């Protein structure tokens, strides 16, 4: 037996409504399921007996990627440091067709971009474009526009 596929990526958020609005309204994901998780198995899985979690599942437009947002209604914790050079931190990368237009739109909505879109000039993705930005809780999101070879 081995891993078959990635099912979803999960982020713990501090404000579900704000995060859903960011991923749905600004990045174009579709909210397809929302629930309050209170079942006892959640306490076992998370290690927080009696946990209550607000859960939202969003899908990418192609239907292949899924993002699970979790807000701990009970057992909330303090935020962690988000810099990408800290072990244990990760990022989520979305493929886009017009990185410059999306970056401009995000900037106009007050989203923190770490730079302007950058052309990738070396390696397997040469000719592509990339940018890092921060979601409302500081998670690193990468936008990637494939070049002619990366497509």
Protein backbone atom coordinates (compact mmCIF):
# COMPACT_ATOMS: atom_id res chain seq x y z
CA UNK A 1 0.00 0.00 0.00
CA UNK A 2 1.10 3.57 -0.69
CA UNK A 3 -0.26 7.07 -1.03
CA UNK A 4 -2.62 7.38 -3.99
CA UNK A 5 -3.16 11.15 -4.28
CA UNK A 6 -3.33 14.38 -2.31
CA UNK A 7 -6.88 14.70 -0.94
CA UNK A 8 -6.70 18.20 0.53
CA UNK A 9 -4.52 20.81 2.15
CA UNK A 10 -5.71 22.15 5.51
CA UNK A 11 -5.13 25.52 7.18
CA UNK A 12 -6.20 26.51 10.69
CA UNK A 13 -7.63 30.02 10.52
CA UNK A 14 -8.62 32.64 13.08
CA UNK A 15 -11.68 34.06 11.29
CA UNK A 16 -13.59 31.68 9.03
CA UNK A 17 -15.71 34.31 7.29
CA UNK A 18 -12.65 36.40 6.41
CA UNK A 19 -10.74 33.36 5.13
CA UNK A 20 -13.64 32.02 3.06
CA UNK A 21 -14.07 35.46 1.50
CA UNK A 22 -10.35 35.59 0.63
CA UNK A 23 -10.18 32.18 -1.01
CA UNK A 24 -13.62 32.33 -2.65
CA UNK A 25 -13.97 35.97 -3.64
CA UNK A 26 -10.36 36.93 -4.38
CA UNK A 27 -8.77 33.67 -5.55
CA UNK A 28 -11.83 32.08 -7.16
CA UNK A 29 -12.19 28.82 -5.21
CA UNK A 30 -15.69 27.42 -4.75
CA UNK A 31 -17.11 26.84 -1.28
CA UNK A 32 -18.82 23.48 -1.55
CA UNK A 33 -19.21 22.30 2.03
CA UNK A 34 -19.44 23.96 5.42
CA UNK A 35 -20.13 22.37 8.79
CA UNK A 36 -19.56 22.58 12.52
CA UNK A 37 -17.56 19.54 13.55
CA UNK A 38 -18.44 18.23 17.00
CA UNK A 39 -18.26 14.44 16.56
CA UNK A 40 -16.14 12.63 19.17
CA UNK A 41 -13.75 11.23 16.54
CA UNK A 42 -12.53 14.79 15.85
CA UNK A 43 -11.26 15.06 19.41
CA UNK A 44 -9.36 11.80 18.94
CA UNK A 45 -7.85 12.80 15.58
CA UNK A 46 -6.86 16.32 16.69
CA UNK A 47 -5.82 15.43 20.23
CA UNK A 48 -8.35 17.90 21.71
CA UNK A 49 -11.19 15.95 23.38
CA UNK A 50 -14.54 17.72 23.07
CA UNK A 51 -13.29 19.93 20.24
CA UNK A 52 -15.70 22.04 18.16
CA UNK A 53 -14.36 23.06 14.74
CA UNK A 54 -15.91 25.29 12.07
CA UNK A 55 -14.96 23.56 8.81
CA UNK A 56 -15.12 24.89 5.26
CA UNK A 57 -14.09 22.95 2.16
CA UNK A 58 -13.23 24.85 -1.01
CA UNK A 59 -12.35 23.52 -4.45
CA UNK A 60 -10.19 24.91 -7.20
CA UNK A 61 -11.93 25.74 -10.48
CA UNK A 62 -10.56 22.59 -12.14
CA UNK A 63 -12.12 20.45 -9.38
CA UNK A 64 -8.82 18.71 -8.64
CA UNK A 65 -7.57 20.66 -5.61
CA UNK A 66 -9.29 21.05 -2.27
CA UNK A 67 -8.53 23.39 0.62
CA UNK A 68 -9.92 22.66 4.09
CA UNK A 69 -10.17 25.63 6.42
CA UNK A 70 -10.53 24.91 10.14
CA UNK A 71 -11.41 27.38 12.86
CA UNK A 72 -11.17 25.93 16.35
CA UNK A 73 -14.30 27.24 18.07
CA UNK A 74 -13.10 25.48 21.21
CA UNK A 75 -9.42 24.95 21.99
CA UNK A 76 -8.13 27.96 19.96
CA UNK A 77 -4.39 28.46 19.88
CA UNK A 78 -1.99 31.35 19.31
CA UNK A 79 -0.74 31.97 15.78
CA UNK A 80 2.65 30.61 14.75
CA UNK A 81 5.47 32.42 12.97
CA UNK A 82 4.88 32.26 9.21
CA UNK A 83 8.23 32.97 7.54
CA UNK A 84 8.94 30.37 4.87
CA UNK A 85 12.45 29.68 6.18
CA UNK A 86 11.09 28.25 9.46
CA UNK A 87 11.06 24.43 9.56
CA UNK A 88 7.52 23.14 9.74
CA UNK A 89 6.05 25.96 7.65
CA UNK A 90 4.84 25.31 4.16
CA UNK A 91 3.04 27.05 1.35
CA UNK A 92 0.22 26.32 -1.03
CA UNK A 93 0.76 27.00 -4.74
CA UNK A 94 -2.05 27.80 -7.15
CA UNK A 95 -1.60 27.64 -10.93
CA UNK A 96 -2.94 30.80 -12.61
CA UNK A 97 -3.31 31.98 -16.19
CA UNK A 98 -2.63 35.73 -15.71
CA UNK A 99 -0.40 36.32 -12.69
CA UNK A 100 0.02 40.05 -13.37
CA UNK A 101 -3.72 40.77 -13.47
CA UNK A 102 -4.39 38.66 -10.38
CA UNK A 103 -1.52 40.29 -8.47
CA UNK A 104 -2.90 43.74 -9.32
CA UNK A 105 -6.39 42.71 -8.21
CA UNK A 106 -5.09 41.28 -4.94
CA UNK A 107 -2.98 44.36 -4.23
CA UNK A 108 -6.04 46.57 -4.86
CA UNK A 109 -7.85 44.56 -2.17
CA UNK A 110 -5.06 45.08 0.37
CA UNK A 111 -3.50 41.62 0.12
CA UNK A 112 0.14 41.51 1.23
CA UNK A 113 2.29 40.54 -1.76
CA UNK A 114 5.93 39.76 -0.97
CA UNK A 115 7.01 41.13 -4.39
CA UNK A 116 5.72 41.84 -7.84
CA UNK A 117 5.42 38.77 -10.09
CA UNK A 118 8.91 37.45 -10.84
CA UNK A 119 9.98 35.74 -14.03
CA UNK A 120 11.63 32.40 -13.37
CA UNK A 121 14.87 32.52 -15.36
CA UNK A 122 16.52 29.17 -14.60
CA UNK A 123 15.66 25.54 -14.02
CA UNK A 124 12.74 23.43 -15.17
CA UNK A 125 10.26 26.31 -14.87
CA UNK A 126 12.31 28.89 -16.83
CA UNK A 127 9.93 31.21 -18.65
CA UNK A 128 7.24 30.85 -16.00
CA UNK A 129 6.22 33.47 -13.43
CA UNK A 130 5.79 33.26 -9.65
CA UNK A 131 4.89 35.33 -6.64
CA UNK A 132 4.41 34.77 -2.91
CA UNK A 133 1.65 36.47 -0.94
CA UNK A 134 0.05 36.12 2.48
CA UNK A 135 -3.51 35.06 3.23
CA UNK A 136 -5.44 36.76 6.07
CA UNK A 137 -3.72 34.56 8.70
CA UNK A 138 -0.27 34.97 7.20
CA UNK A 139 -0.08 31.62 5.38
CA UNK A 140 2.18 31.78 2.35
CA UNK A 141 0.36 31.35 -0.93
CA UNK A 142 2.31 31.02 -4.15
CA UNK A 143 0.84 31.91 -7.52
CA UNK A 144 2.47 30.18 -10.48
CA UNK A 145 1.93 31.00 -14.15
CA UNK A 146 3.49 28.28 -16.29
CA UNK A 147 5.67 29.25 -19.20
CA UNK A 148 5.68 27.45 -22.52
CA UNK A 149 7.79 24.51 -21.23
CA UNK A 150 6.06 24.13 -17.83
CA UNK A 151 2.54 23.81 -19.17
